[in-house]
């Protein structure tokens, strides 16, 4: 199982939005940057396959990388 990192998640989001990773800031509203629910579901599924414990609703509630990383980090801490 691969471990997600903040930077790998940033890279995944950037790839999905056809942006450069350095243009995706931790507190950007990713929906405002063009992420839609279908792409979000795809990212969530990809990250779950990598071992993240997250649900679509958790991600949709606060569409920022900082919030998403907090969910992933909490799950990694509990799973360690």
N, C-alpha and C. Protein backbone atom coordinates (compact mmCIF):
# COMPACT_ATOMS: atom_id res chain seq x y z
N UNK A 1 0.86 -1.19 0.00
CA UNK A 1 0.00 0.00 0.00
C UNK A 1 0.89 1.23 0.00
N UNK A 2 0.63 2.14 -0.90
CA UNK A 2 1.40 3.38 -0.93
C UNK A 2 0.81 4.35 0.08
N UNK A 3 1.68 5.17 0.64
CA UNK A 3 1.22 6.16 1.60
C UNK A 3 1.06 7.49 0.88
N UNK A 4 -0.09 8.09 1.05
CA UNK A 4 -0.33 9.40 0.46
C UNK A 4 0.45 10.45 1.23
N UNK A 5 0.82 11.50 0.53
CA UNK A 5 1.43 12.66 1.16
C UNK A 5 0.69 13.90 0.69
N UNK A 6 0.88 14.96 1.41
CA UNK A 6 0.27 16.23 1.01
C UNK A 6 0.67 16.57 -0.42
N UNK A 7 1.95 16.39 -0.73
CA UNK A 7 2.43 16.76 -2.07
C UNK A 7 1.93 15.81 -3.15
N UNK A 8 1.75 14.53 -2.83
CA UNK A 8 1.22 13.62 -3.86
C UNK A 8 -0.25 13.95 -4.14
N UNK A 9 -0.98 14.32 -3.08
CA UNK A 9 -2.38 14.73 -3.28
C UNK A 9 -2.43 16.02 -4.10
N UNK A 10 -1.54 16.97 -3.80
CA UNK A 10 -1.49 18.22 -4.56
C UNK A 10 -1.22 17.92 -6.04
N UNK A 11 -0.30 17.00 -6.30
CA UNK A 11 0.04 16.64 -7.68
C UNK A 11 -1.15 15.99 -8.38
N UNK A 12 -1.88 15.13 -7.66
CA UNK A 12 -3.06 14.47 -8.25
C UNK A 12 -4.13 15.51 -8.62
N UNK A 13 -4.36 16.45 -7.73
CA UNK A 13 -5.35 17.51 -7.98
C UNK A 13 -4.91 18.36 -9.17
N UNK A 14 -3.64 18.73 -9.18
CA UNK A 14 -3.12 19.57 -10.27
C UNK A 14 -3.28 18.86 -11.61
N UNK A 15 -2.97 17.57 -11.63
CA UNK A 15 -3.10 16.78 -12.87
C UNK A 15 -4.56 16.77 -13.32
N UNK A 16 -5.47 16.60 -12.37
CA UNK A 16 -6.90 16.55 -12.68
C UNK A 16 -7.39 17.89 -13.24
N UNK A 17 -6.80 18.99 -12.76
CA UNK A 17 -7.22 20.33 -13.18
C UNK A 17 -6.35 20.89 -14.31
N UNK A 18 -5.37 20.12 -14.76
CA UNK A 18 -4.44 20.58 -15.80
C UNK A 18 -3.73 21.86 -15.35
N UNK A 19 -3.30 21.85 -14.10
CA UNK A 19 -2.58 22.98 -13.51
C UNK A 19 -1.21 22.50 -13.05
N UNK A 20 -0.40 23.45 -12.65
CA UNK A 20 0.89 23.13 -12.07
C UNK A 20 0.69 22.94 -10.56
N UNK A 21 1.33 21.93 -9.95
CA UNK A 21 1.13 21.71 -8.51
C UNK A 21 1.40 22.95 -7.65
N UNK A 22 2.37 23.75 -8.04
CA UNK A 22 2.65 24.94 -7.22
C UNK A 22 1.54 25.99 -7.29
N UNK A 23 0.61 25.82 -8.22
CA UNK A 23 -0.54 26.73 -8.31
C UNK A 23 -1.70 26.30 -7.41
N UNK A 24 -1.60 25.12 -6.80
CA UNK A 24 -2.65 24.61 -5.92
C UNK A 24 -2.21 24.88 -4.48
N UNK A 25 -2.83 25.87 -3.86
CA UNK A 25 -2.48 26.22 -2.48
C UNK A 25 -3.34 25.43 -1.50
N UNK A 26 -2.84 25.26 -0.29
CA UNK A 26 -3.52 24.44 0.71
C UNK A 26 -4.94 24.91 0.99
N UNK A 27 -5.16 26.22 0.98
CA UNK A 27 -6.47 26.75 1.36
C UNK A 27 -7.32 27.20 0.17
N UNK A 28 -6.88 26.90 -1.05
CA UNK A 28 -7.71 27.22 -2.22
C UNK A 28 -8.99 26.40 -2.19
N UNK A 29 -10.11 27.03 -2.56
CA UNK A 29 -11.34 26.27 -2.75
C UNK A 29 -11.19 25.58 -4.11
N UNK A 30 -11.08 24.28 -4.06
CA UNK A 30 -10.78 23.53 -5.28
C UNK A 30 -11.94 23.51 -6.25
N UNK A 31 -13.15 23.67 -5.76
CA UNK A 31 -14.30 23.78 -6.65
C UNK A 31 -14.21 25.08 -7.46
N UNK A 32 -13.74 26.14 -6.81
CA UNK A 32 -13.56 27.42 -7.52
C UNK A 32 -12.49 27.30 -8.60
N UNK A 33 -11.54 26.38 -8.41
CA UNK A 33 -10.48 26.18 -9.40
C UNK A 33 -10.91 25.27 -10.54
N UNK A 34 -12.13 24.72 -10.45
CA UNK A 34 -12.63 23.91 -11.56
C UNK A 34 -12.85 22.44 -11.24
N UNK A 35 -12.57 22.04 -10.01
CA UNK A 35 -12.83 20.65 -9.66
C UNK A 35 -14.33 20.44 -9.51
N UNK A 36 -14.87 19.45 -10.21
CA UNK A 36 -16.30 19.18 -10.11
C UNK A 36 -16.50 17.87 -9.35
N UNK A 37 -17.75 17.54 -9.07
CA UNK A 37 -18.03 16.38 -8.23
C UNK A 37 -17.57 15.07 -8.88
N UNK A 38 -17.63 14.96 -10.17
CA UNK A 38 -17.18 13.73 -10.84
C UNK A 38 -15.67 13.55 -10.66
N UNK A 39 -14.93 14.62 -10.84
CA UNK A 39 -13.48 14.53 -10.64
C UNK A 39 -13.14 14.27 -9.18
N UNK A 40 -13.91 14.87 -8.28
CA UNK A 40 -13.69 14.65 -6.86
C UNK A 40 -13.93 13.18 -6.50
N UNK A 41 -14.98 12.59 -7.04
CA UNK A 41 -15.24 11.18 -6.79
C UNK A 41 -14.09 10.31 -7.30
N UNK A 42 -13.55 10.68 -8.44
CA UNK A 42 -12.44 9.93 -9.02
C UNK A 42 -11.19 10.03 -8.12
N UNK A 43 -10.91 11.25 -7.63
CA UNK A 43 -9.77 11.42 -6.73
C UNK A 43 -9.98 10.64 -5.44
N UNK A 44 -11.18 10.71 -4.88
CA UNK A 44 -11.46 10.00 -3.63
C UNK A 44 -11.25 8.50 -3.81
N UNK A 45 -11.72 7.96 -4.91
CA UNK A 45 -11.56 6.53 -5.18
C UNK A 45 -10.08 6.18 -5.32
N UNK A 46 -9.33 7.01 -6.01
CA UNK A 46 -7.90 6.79 -6.21
C UNK A 46 -7.18 6.80 -4.86
N UNK A 47 -7.53 7.76 -4.01
CA UNK A 47 -6.86 7.87 -2.71
C UNK A 47 -7.28 6.75 -1.77
N UNK A 48 -8.52 6.30 -1.86
CA UNK A 48 -8.95 5.14 -1.05
C UNK A 48 -8.16 3.90 -1.46
N UNK A 49 -7.93 3.74 -2.77
CA UNK A 49 -7.14 2.61 -3.25
C UNK A 49 -5.72 2.67 -2.70
N UNK A 50 -5.23 3.87 -2.44
CA UNK A 50 -3.90 4.06 -1.87
C UNK A 50 -3.91 3.93 -0.35
N UNK A 51 -5.08 3.66 0.23
CA UNK A 51 -5.15 3.41 1.65
C UNK A 51 -5.80 4.50 2.49
N UNK A 52 -6.22 5.59 1.88
CA UNK A 52 -6.84 6.67 2.64
C UNK A 52 -8.22 6.27 3.11
N UNK A 53 -8.57 6.69 4.31
CA UNK A 53 -9.91 6.46 4.84
C UNK A 53 -10.67 7.77 4.71
N UNK A 54 -11.46 7.87 3.65
CA UNK A 54 -12.20 9.11 3.39
C UNK A 54 -13.47 8.80 2.64
N UNK A 55 -14.43 9.67 2.82
CA UNK A 55 -15.69 9.56 2.11
C UNK A 55 -15.89 10.80 1.26
N UNK A 56 -16.61 10.65 0.16
CA UNK A 56 -16.88 11.77 -0.73
C UNK A 56 -17.49 12.94 0.03
N UNK A 57 -18.44 12.65 0.92
CA UNK A 57 -19.13 13.73 1.66
C UNK A 57 -18.16 14.54 2.51
N UNK A 58 -17.17 13.86 3.10
CA UNK A 58 -16.17 14.57 3.91
C UNK A 58 -15.38 15.55 3.05
N UNK A 59 -15.06 15.13 1.84
CA UNK A 59 -14.28 15.97 0.94
C UNK A 59 -15.13 17.12 0.40
N UNK A 60 -16.36 16.83 0.07
CA UNK A 60 -17.24 17.85 -0.50
C UNK A 60 -17.59 18.93 0.53
N UNK A 61 -17.57 18.57 1.82
CA UNK A 61 -17.95 19.52 2.87
C UNK A 61 -17.00 20.72 2.93
N UNK A 62 -15.73 20.50 2.63
CA UNK A 62 -14.72 21.57 2.67
C UNK A 62 -13.70 21.23 1.60
N UNK A 63 -13.85 21.82 0.44
CA UNK A 63 -13.04 21.46 -0.73
C UNK A 63 -11.72 22.21 -0.75
N UNK A 64 -10.90 21.97 0.28
CA UNK A 64 -9.54 22.53 0.30
C UNK A 64 -8.57 21.38 0.54
N UNK A 65 -7.38 21.53 0.00
CA UNK A 65 -6.35 20.52 0.20
C UNK A 65 -6.01 20.39 1.68
N UNK A 66 -5.99 21.50 2.40
CA UNK A 66 -5.68 21.45 3.84
C UNK A 66 -6.67 20.55 4.58
N UNK A 67 -7.95 20.71 4.29
CA UNK A 67 -8.98 19.89 4.95
C UNK A 67 -8.82 18.43 4.55
N UNK A 68 -8.62 18.18 3.27
CA UNK A 68 -8.49 16.80 2.79
C UNK A 68 -7.27 16.13 3.40
N UNK A 69 -6.16 16.86 3.49
CA UNK A 69 -4.95 16.30 4.07
C UNK A 69 -5.18 15.98 5.55
N UNK A 70 -5.92 16.82 6.26
CA UNK A 70 -6.21 16.56 7.68
C UNK A 70 -6.97 15.24 7.82
N UNK A 71 -7.90 14.97 6.92
CA UNK A 71 -8.66 13.71 6.95
C UNK A 71 -7.71 12.52 6.71
N UNK A 72 -6.85 12.64 5.71
CA UNK A 72 -5.93 11.56 5.37
C UNK A 72 -4.94 11.34 6.51
N UNK A 73 -4.37 12.41 7.03
CA UNK A 73 -3.36 12.30 8.10
C UNK A 73 -3.98 11.67 9.36
N UNK A 74 -5.21 12.04 9.67
CA UNK A 74 -5.91 11.46 10.82
C UNK A 74 -6.08 9.94 10.61
N UNK A 75 -6.47 9.57 9.41
CA UNK A 75 -6.63 8.14 9.11
C UNK A 75 -5.32 7.39 9.15
N UNK A 76 -4.24 8.01 8.68
CA UNK A 76 -2.93 7.37 8.71
C UNK A 76 -2.46 7.19 10.15
N UNK A 77 -2.75 8.18 11.00
CA UNK A 77 -2.34 8.10 12.40
C UNK A 77 -3.08 6.97 13.12
N UNK A 78 -4.37 6.79 12.79
CA UNK A 78 -5.15 5.74 13.43
C UNK A 78 -4.80 4.37 12.87
N UNK A 79 -4.37 4.34 11.63
CA UNK A 79 -4.07 3.07 11.00
C UNK A 79 -2.65 2.59 11.26
N UNK A 80 -1.83 3.45 11.82
CA UNK A 80 -0.41 3.11 12.03
C UNK A 80 -0.23 2.14 13.18
